[in-house]
Amino acid sequence: MSPVRIMTQRIGGAEAVRVAMEASSRGPISLEGSAISDPSERDTPVQSKALQRVAESRKAPPRVRKPSAHHDRCLAPTPDLDAHRARLRESFGETLSDEFVDVMMGKLVEALRPNQSDQLDEPTLNAGLALINSIQPRSELEALMAVQIVATGLSGLRFLRQSHRHMTEDFIDVYGGYALKLLRLQTELIQTLDRHRRGNRQTVEVRHVHIYPGAQGVVGIVNRAPSEGET
């Protein structure tokens, strides 16, 4: 019997670095103004009132200023540092600890910029903060889970993008496989957070069956009789 050769997908280190650098060169997409106005696209008074109600019912997420995409230095967007720290404590589980916020911010930055050669721009970091704020953590534990959800989700999308680099089997299998694992993990984390908030309670549905006079009913597990030809 001739030996069977197993082909292993492998991406060289230099190629992996080029993929990461190319991915970092593409930043967020900003909506730009147009010289041509379309009257049909303008907000009607009803739409404007609806948008105003949404703005009044929701509080804007916290954000930071990030002077450079090549380092981890973050600044408060306004001179009122105390108010900004209070807003961050509110978003990170209503915590009373500024140290906890600093650590969670550091973990978020580490997840979105794992290597010193990577870039993390201001819009991406603020998008991560907006996602954490939308989860509305109610404790430090939930804030930690929110950071994990954001980290796995955005990292999974990054690997998914890198799997399209050459559209070859190696890149699709390796980077696509990592993306699939991370996105599945994100879903599991969301479900875990939901179970935690519900107190790990299970819902049991009980249905009442009424048997009227002259009818027959069976309580228990009923197995069907085998048909002809079955043993």
C-alpha atoms as a PDB file:
ATOM      1  CA  MET A   1       0.000   0.000   0.000  1.00  0.00           C
ATOM      2  CA  SER A   2       1.480   3.306  -1.004  1.00  0.00           C
ATOM      3  CA  PRO A   3       1.824   5.942   1.755  1.00  0.00           C
ATOM      4  CA  VAL A   4      -0.762   8.717   1.862  1.00  0.00           C
ATOM      5  CA  ARG A   5       0.621  12.249   1.793  1.00  0.00           C
ATOM      6  CA  ILE A   6      -1.200  14.766   3.946  1.00  0.00           C
ATOM      7  CA  MET A   7      -1.031  18.324   2.632  1.00  0.00           C
ATOM      8  CA  THR A   8      -0.914  20.944   5.391  1.00  0.00           C
ATOM      9  CA  GLN A   9      -2.000  24.506   4.709  1.00  0.00           C
ATOM     10  CA  ARG A  10       0.779  26.876   5.633  1.00  0.00           C
ATOM     11  CA  ILE A  11       1.162  30.627   5.287  1.00  0.00           C
ATOM     12  CA  GLY A  12       4.655  32.015   5.632  1.00  0.00           C
ATOM     13  CA  GLY A  13       5.511  34.572   8.293  1.00  0.00           C
ATOM     14  CA  ALA A  14       6.447  37.272   5.779  1.00  0.00           C
ATOM     15  CA  GLU A  15       3.180  36.811   3.921  1.00  0.00           C
ATOM     16  CA  ALA A  16       1.208  36.943   7.186  1.00  0.00           C
ATOM     17  CA  VAL A  17       2.911  40.239   8.062  1.00  0.00           C
ATOM     18  CA  ARG A  18       2.060  41.679   4.644  1.00  0.00           C
ATOM     19  CA  VAL A  19      -1.552  40.655   5.098  1.00  0.00           C
ATOM     20  CA  ALA A  20      -1.723  42.316   8.521  1.00  0.00           C
ATOM     21  CA  MET A  21      -0.087  45.517   7.273  1.00  0.00           C
ATOM     22  CA  GLU A  22      -2.393  45.712   4.285  1.00  0.00           C
ATOM     23  CA  ALA A  23      -5.422  45.200   6.514  1.00  0.00           C
ATOM     24  CA  SER A  24      -4.245  47.984   8.837  1.00  0.00           C
ATOM     25  CA  SER A  25      -3.903  50.413   5.936  1.00  0.00           C
ATOM     26  CA  ARG A  26      -7.658  50.395   5.373  1.00  0.00           C
ATOM     27  CA  GLY A  27      -9.461  52.537   7.912  1.00  0.00           C
ATOM     28  CA  PRO A  28     -13.109  53.213   8.710  1.00  0.00           C
ATOM     29  CA  ILE A  29     -15.426  54.560   6.040  1.00  0.00           C
ATOM     30  CA  SER A  30     -16.693  58.098   6.648  1.00  0.00           C
ATOM     31  CA  LEU A  31     -19.808  59.450   4.981  1.00  0.00           C
ATOM     32  CA  GLU A  32     -18.950  62.427   2.781  1.00  0.00           C
ATOM     33  CA  GLY A  33     -21.112  65.246   1.546  1.00  0.00           C
ATOM     34  CA  SER A  34     -22.373  65.391  -2.015  1.00  0.00           C
ATOM     35  CA  ALA A  35     -22.679  68.437  -4.231  1.00  0.00           C
ATOM     36  CA  ILE A  36     -25.859  66.983  -5.754  1.00  0.00           C
ATOM     37  CA  SER A  37     -28.863  67.043  -3.443  1.00  0.00           C
ATOM     38  CA  ASP A  38     -31.693  64.581  -3.857  1.00  0.00           C
ATOM     39  CA  PRO A  39     -34.970  65.966  -2.496  1.00  0.00           C
ATOM     40  CA  SER A  40     -36.324  62.455  -1.964  1.00  0.00           C
ATOM     41  CA  GLU A  41     -33.500  61.722   0.485  1.00  0.00           C
ATOM     42  CA  ARG A  42     -34.216  64.656   2.777  1.00  0.00           C
ATOM     43  CA  ASP A  43     -35.718  64.001   6.183  1.00  0.00           C
ATOM     44  CA  THR A  44     -39.408  64.772   6.388  1.00  0.00           C
ATOM     45  CA  PRO A  45     -40.807  66.492   9.533  1.00  0.00           C
ATOM     46  CA  VAL A  46     -42.137  63.122  10.729  1.00  0.00           C
ATOM     47  CA  GLN A  47     -38.723  61.500  10.288  1.00  0.00           C
ATOM     48  CA  SER A  48     -37.006  64.387  12.061  1.00  0.00           C
ATOM     49  CA  LYS A  49     -39.345  64.075  15.056  1.00  0.00           C
ATOM     50  CA  ALA A  50     -38.743  60.319  15.210  1.00  0.00           C
ATOM     51  CA  LEU A  51     -34.985  60.818  15.146  1.00  0.00           C
ATOM     52  CA  GLN A  52     -35.292  63.458  17.849  1.00  0.00           C
ATOM     53  CA  ARG A  53     -37.242  61.082  20.100  1.00  0.00           C
ATOM     54  CA  VAL A  54     -34.580  58.400  19.648  1.00  0.00           C
ATOM     55  CA  ALA A  55     -31.849  60.898  20.497  1.00  0.00           C
ATOM     56  CA  GLU A  56     -33.712  61.967  23.629  1.00  0.00           C
ATOM     57  CA  SER A  57     -34.316  58.392  24.825  1.00  0.00           C
ATOM     58  CA  ARG A  58     -30.745  57.214  24.306  1.00  0.00           C
ATOM     59  CA  LYS A  59     -27.585  58.615  25.802  1.00  0.00           C
ATOM     60  CA  ALA A  60     -24.588  58.986  23.518  1.00  0.00           C
ATOM     61  CA  PRO A  61     -21.869  56.392  24.213  1.00  0.00           C
ATOM     62  CA  PRO A  62     -18.573  57.526  25.717  1.00  0.00           C
ATOM     63  CA  ARG A  63     -15.722  58.179  23.362  1.00  0.00           C
ATOM     64  CA  VAL A  64     -12.032  58.982  23.551  1.00  0.00           C
ATOM     65  CA  ARG A  65      -9.523  60.841  21.460  1.00  0.00           C
ATOM     66  CA  LYS A  66      -6.638  58.814  20.094  1.00  0.00           C
ATOM     67  CA  PRO A  67      -3.947  61.088  18.615  1.00  0.00           C
ATOM     68  CA  SER A  68      -2.123  58.285  16.809  1.00  0.00           C
ATOM     69  CA  ALA A  69      -3.090  54.869  15.485  1.00  0.00           C
ATOM     70  CA  HIS A  70       0.435  53.598  16.265  1.00  0.00           C
ATOM     71  CA  HIS A  71       0.320  53.809  20.073  1.00  0.00           C
ATOM     72  CA  ASP A  72      -2.158  53.251  22.899  1.00  0.00           C
ATOM     73  CA  ARG A  73      -2.377  56.795  24.290  1.00  0.00           C
ATOM     74  CA  CYS A  74      -5.981  57.937  24.797  1.00  0.00           C
ATOM     75  CA  LEU A  75      -7.280  61.356  25.796  1.00  0.00           C
ATOM     76  CA  ALA A  76     -10.573  62.638  27.127  1.00  0.00           C
ATOM     77  CA  PRO A  77     -12.574  64.387  24.385  1.00  0.00           C
ATOM     78  CA  THR A  78     -13.312  67.375  26.651  1.00  0.00           C
ATOM     79  CA  PRO A  79     -11.406  69.235  29.375  1.00  0.00           C
ATOM     80  CA  ASP A  80     -13.843  67.831  31.976  1.00  0.00           C
ATOM     81  CA  LEU A  81     -11.893  64.670  32.814  1.00  0.00           C
ATOM     82  CA  ASP A  82     -13.994  63.823  35.890  1.00  0.00           C
ATOM     83  CA  ALA A  83     -17.247  63.845  33.919  1.00  0.00           C
ATOM     84  CA  HIS A  84     -15.683  61.684  31.225  1.00  0.00           C
ATOM     85  CA  ARG A  85     -14.415  59.158  33.760  1.00  0.00           C
ATOM     86  CA  ALA A  86     -17.878  59.046  35.324  1.00  0.00           C
ATOM     87  CA  ARG A  87     -19.399  58.299  31.914  1.00  0.00           C
ATOM     88  CA  LEU A  88     -16.910  55.472  31.354  1.00  0.00           C
ATOM     89  CA  ARG A  89     -17.642  54.006  34.805  1.00  0.00           C
ATOM     90  CA  GLU A  90     -21.320  54.030  33.903  1.00  0.00           C
ATOM     91  CA  SER A  91     -20.714  52.177  30.631  1.00  0.00           C
ATOM     92  CA  PHE A  92     -18.421  49.615  32.260  1.00  0.00           C
ATOM     93  CA  GLY A  93     -21.036  48.117  34.553  1.00  0.00           C
ATOM     94  CA  GLU A  94     -21.798  51.084  36.789  1.00  0.00           C
ATOM     95  CA  THR A  95     -18.485  50.394  38.492  1.00  0.00           C
ATOM     96  CA  LEU A  96     -17.090  52.672  41.188  1.00  0.00           C
ATOM     97  CA  SER A  97     -13.490  51.834  40.282  1.00  0.00           C
ATOM     98  CA  ASP A  98     -11.514  53.972  37.851  1.00  0.00           C
ATOM     99  CA  GLU A  99      -8.808  51.308  37.972  1.00  0.00           C
ATOM    100  CA  PHE A 100     -11.262  48.741  36.632  1.00  0.00           C
ATOM    101  CA  VAL A 101     -12.145  51.050  33.742  1.00  0.00           C
ATOM    102  CA  ASP A 102      -8.456  51.592  32.961  1.00  0.00           C
ATOM    103  CA  VAL A 103      -7.767  47.849  32.935  1.00  0.00           C
ATOM    104  CA  MET A 104     -10.779  47.089  30.729  1.00  0.00           C
ATOM    105  CA  MET A 105      -9.802  49.879  28.340  1.00  0.00           C
ATOM    106  CA  GLY A 106      -6.324  48.373  28.180  1.00  0.00           C
ATOM    107  CA  LYS A 107      -7.693  44.898  27.460  1.00  0.00           C
ATOM    108  CA  LEU A 108      -9.930  46.287  24.721  1.00  0.00           C
ATOM    109  CA  VAL A 109      -6.986  48.076  23.098  1.00  0.00           C
ATOM    110  CA  GLU A 110      -4.816  44.946  23.394  1.00  0.00           C
ATOM    111  CA  ALA A 111      -7.474  42.876  21.649  1.00  0.00           C
ATOM    112  CA  LEU A 112      -7.947  45.387  18.828  1.00  0.00           C
ATOM    113  CA  ARG A 113      -4.199  46.108  18.483  1.00  0.00           C
ATOM    114  CA  PRO A 114      -2.463  42.880  19.514  1.00  0.00           C
ATOM    115  CA  ASN A 115       0.984  43.733  18.073  1.00  0.00           C
ATOM    116  CA  GLN A 116       3.052  46.882  18.237  1.00  0.00           C
ATOM    117  CA  SER A 117       3.173  46.952  14.438  1.00  0.00           C
ATOM    118  CA  ASP A 118      -0.641  46.993  14.225  1.00  0.00           C
ATOM    119  CA  GLN A 119      -2.718  50.137  14.000  1.00  0.00           C
ATOM    120  CA  LEU A 120      -5.797  51.068  15.999  1.00  0.00           C
ATOM    121  CA  ASP A 121      -7.486  54.249  14.895  1.00  0.00           C
ATOM    122  CA  GLU A 122      -9.780  56.422  16.947  1.00  0.00           C
ATOM    123  CA  PRO A 123     -13.061  55.499  15.171  1.00  0.00           C
ATOM    124  CA  THR A 124     -12.504  51.762  15.662  1.00  0.00           C
ATOM    125  CA  LEU A 125     -11.792  52.142  19.384  1.00  0.00           C
ATOM    126  CA  ASN A 126     -14.839  54.369  19.818  1.00  0.00           C
ATOM    127  CA  ALA A 127     -16.928  51.832  17.905  1.00  0.00           C
ATOM    128  CA  GLY A 128     -15.833  49.213  20.426  1.00  0.00           C
ATOM    129  CA  LEU A 129     -16.830  51.511  23.285  1.00  0.00           C
ATOM    130  CA  ALA A 130     -20.207  52.101  21.630  1.00  0.00           C
ATOM    131  CA  LEU A 131     -20.778  48.339  21.398  1.00  0.00           C
ATOM    132  CA  ILE A 132     -19.923  47.874  25.073  1.00  0.00           C
ATOM    133  CA  ASN A 133     -22.282  50.717  25.958  1.00  0.00           C
ATOM    134  CA  SER A 134     -25.073  49.113  23.891  1.00  0.00           C
ATOM    135  CA  ILE A 135     -24.757  45.872  25.880  1.00  0.00           C
ATOM    136  CA  GLN A 136     -25.432  47.941  29.035  1.00  0.00           C
ATOM    137  CA  PRO A 137     -23.395  45.925  31.543  1.00  0.00           C
ATOM    138  CA  ARG A 138     -24.866  45.976  35.043  1.00  0.00           C
ATOM    139  CA  SER A 139     -21.766  44.818  36.922  1.00  0.00           C
ATOM    140  CA  GLU A 140     -18.024  44.482  36.517  1.00  0.00           C
ATOM    141  CA  LEU A 141     -18.475  40.837  35.499  1.00  0.00           C
ATOM    142  CA  GLU A 142     -20.895  41.789  32.743  1.00  0.00           C
ATOM    143  CA  ALA A 143     -18.503  44.538  31.637  1.00  0.00           C
ATOM    144  CA  LEU A 144     -15.725  41.952  31.313  1.00  0.00           C
ATOM    145  CA  MET A 145     -18.015  39.761  29.215  1.00  0.00           C
ATOM    146  CA  ALA A 146     -18.936  42.779  27.072  1.00  0.00           C
ATOM    147  CA  VAL A 147     -15.253  43.420  26.347  1.00  0.00           C
ATOM    148  CA  GLN A 148     -14.849  39.763  25.378  1.00  0.00           C
ATOM    149  CA  ILE A 149     -17.865  39.946  23.062  1.00  0.00           C
ATOM    150  CA  VAL A 150     -16.526  43.049  21.311  1.00  0.00           C
ATOM    151  CA  ALA A 151     -12.988  41.655  21.072  1.00  0.00           C
ATOM    152  CA  THR A 152     -14.042  38.331  19.552  1.00  0.00           C
ATOM    153  CA  GLY A 153     -16.533  39.959  17.166  1.00  0.00           C
ATOM    154  CA  LEU A 154     -14.195  42.574  15.728  1.00  0.00           C
ATOM    155  CA  SER A 155     -11.256  40.151  15.624  1.00  0.00           C
ATOM    156  CA  GLY A 156     -13.425  37.614  13.821  1.00  0.00           C
ATOM    157  CA  LEU A 157     -14.351  40.188  11.193  1.00  0.00           C
ATOM    158  CA  ARG A 158     -10.676  41.019  10.781  1.00  0.00           C
ATOM    159  CA  PHE A 159      -9.756  37.382  10.102  1.00  0.00           C
ATOM    160  CA  LEU A 160     -12.725  37.084   7.758  1.00  0.00           C
ATOM    161  CA  ARG A 161     -11.398  39.990   5.736  1.00  0.00           C
ATOM    162  CA  GLN A 162      -7.896  38.495   5.646  1.00  0.00           C
ATOM    163  CA  SER A 163      -9.270  35.186   4.369  1.00  0.00           C
ATOM    164  CA  HIS A 164     -10.088  37.009   1.101  1.00  0.00           C
ATOM    165  CA  ARG A 165      -6.482  38.120   0.610  1.00  0.00           C
ATOM    166  CA  HIS A 166      -5.668  35.812  -2.323  1.00  0.00           C
ATOM    167  CA  MET A 167      -8.889  33.776  -2.553  1.00  0.00           C
ATOM    168  CA  THR A 168      -6.784  30.647  -2.338  1.00  0.00           C
ATOM    169  CA  GLU A 169      -7.496  27.532  -0.305  1.00  0.00           C
ATOM    170  CA  ASP A 170      -4.704  28.234   2.179  1.00  0.00           C
ATOM    171  CA  PHE A 171      -5.983  31.695   3.100  1.00  0.00           C
ATOM    172  CA  ILE A 172      -9.650  30.675   3.131  1.00  0.00           C
ATOM    173  CA  ASP A 173      -9.008  27.613   5.318  1.00  0.00           C
ATOM    174  CA  VAL A 174      -6.591  29.223   7.783  1.00  0.00           C
ATOM    175  CA  TYR A 175      -7.934  32.746   8.256  1.00  0.00           C
ATOM    176  CA  GLY A 176     -11.512  31.731   7.485  1.00  0.00           C
ATOM    177  CA  GLY A 177     -11.280  28.968  10.078  1.00  0.00           C
ATOM    178  CA  TYR A 178     -10.069  31.413  12.712  1.00  0.00           C
ATOM    179  CA  ALA A 179     -12.870  33.826  11.796  1.00  0.00           C
ATOM    180  CA  LEU A 180     -15.494  31.102  12.131  1.00  0.00           C
ATOM    181  CA  LYS A 181     -14.205  30.063  15.566  1.00  0.00           C
ATOM    182  CA  LEU A 182     -14.148  33.634  16.849  1.00  0.00           C
ATOM    183  CA  LEU A 183     -17.620  34.497  15.568  1.00  0.00           C
ATOM    184  CA  ARG A 184     -19.010  31.293  17.081  1.00  0.00           C
ATOM    185  CA  LEU A 185     -17.307  32.180  20.358  1.00  0.00           C
ATOM    186  CA  GLN A 186     -18.904  35.622  20.224  1.00  0.00           C
ATOM    187  CA  THR A 187     -22.340  34.020  19.851  1.00  0.00           C
ATOM    188  CA  GLU A 188     -21.642  31.704  22.788  1.00  0.00           C
ATOM    189  CA  LEU A 189     -20.539  34.659  24.926  1.00  0.00           C
ATOM    190  CA  ILE A 190     -23.741  36.550  24.102  1.00  0.00           C
ATOM    191  CA  GLN A 191     -25.805  33.505  25.071  1.00  0.00           C
ATOM    192  CA  THR A 192     -23.787  33.113  28.284  1.00  0.00           C
ATOM    193  CA  LEU A 193     -24.399  36.754  29.184  1.00  0.00           C
ATOM    194  CA  ASP A 194     -28.105  36.287  28.543  1.00  0.00           C
ATOM    195  CA  ARG A 195     -28.225  33.195  30.793  1.00  0.00           C
ATOM    196  CA  HIS A 196     -26.312  35.073  33.487  1.00  0.00           C
ATOM    197  CA  ARG A 197     -28.822  37.905  33.410  1.00  0.00           C
ATOM    198  CA  ARG A 198     -31.723  35.452  33.632  1.00  0.00           C
ATOM    199  CA  GLY A 199     -30.073  33.742  36.593  1.00  0.00           C
ATOM    200  CA  ASN A 200     -29.606  30.467  34.679  1.00  0.00           C
ATOM    201  CA  ARG A 201     -33.340  29.860  34.983  1.00  0.00           C
ATOM    202  CA  GLN A 202     -35.002  27.460  32.587  1.00  0.00           C
ATOM    203  CA  THR A 203     -38.523  27.935  31.296  1.00  0.00           C
ATOM    204  CA  VAL A 204     -40.744  24.861  31.450  1.00  0.00           C
ATOM    205  CA  GLU A 205     -43.957  24.960  29.449  1.00  0.00           C
ATOM    206  CA  VAL A 206     -46.832  23.060  31.043  1.00  0.00           C
ATOM    207  CA  ARG A 207     -49.860  22.270  28.935  1.00  0.00           C
ATOM    208  CA  HIS A 208     -53.131  21.011  30.361  1.00  0.00           C
ATOM    209  CA  VAL A 209     -54.952  18.325  28.400  1.00  0.00           C
ATOM    210  CA  HIS A 210     -58.654  17.984  29.104  1.00  0.00           C
ATOM    211  CA  ILE A 211     -60.199  14.535  28.594  1.00  0.00           C
ATOM    212  CA  TYR A 212     -63.934  14.702  28.395  1.00  0.00           C
ATOM    213  CA  PRO A 213     -66.372  11.857  29.240  1.00  0.00           C
ATOM    214  CA  GLY A 214     -66.277   9.123  26.618  1.00  0.00           C
ATOM    215  CA  ALA A 215     -62.754  10.028  25.424  1.00  0.00           C
ATOM    216  CA  GLN A 216     -59.535   8.133  26.084  1.00  0.00           C
ATOM    217  CA  GLY A 217     -56.104   9.399  26.921  1.00  0.00           C
ATOM    218  CA  VAL A 218     -52.676   7.954  27.632  1.00  0.00           C
ATOM    219  CA  VAL A 219     -50.126   9.509  30.000  1.00  0.00           C
ATOM    220  CA  GLY A 220     -46.502   8.585  29.382  1.00  0.00           C
ATOM    221  CA  ILE A 221     -44.161   7.791  26.504  1.00  0.00           C
ATOM    222  CA  VAL A 222     -45.914   6.095  23.617  1.00  0.00           C
ATOM    223  CA  ASN A 223     -43.891   4.123  21.071  1.00  0.00           C
ATOM    224  CA  ARG A 224     -45.464   3.330  17.749  1.00  0.00           C
ATOM    225  CA  ALA A 225     -45.940  -0.288  16.801  1.00  0.00           C
ATOM    226  CA  PRO A 226     -43.447  -1.603  14.238  1.00  0.00           C
ATOM    227  CA  SER A 227     -44.809  -1.864  10.742  1.00  0.00           C
ATOM    228  CA  GLU A 228     -44.612  -4.966   8.592  1.00  0.00           C
ATOM    229  CA  GLY A 229     -41.053  -5.894   7.695  1.00  0.00           C
ATOM    230  CA  GLU A 230     -39.569  -4.142  10.744  1.00  0.00           C
ATOM    231  CA  THR A 231     -38.080  -6.055  13.653  1.00  0.00           C
END
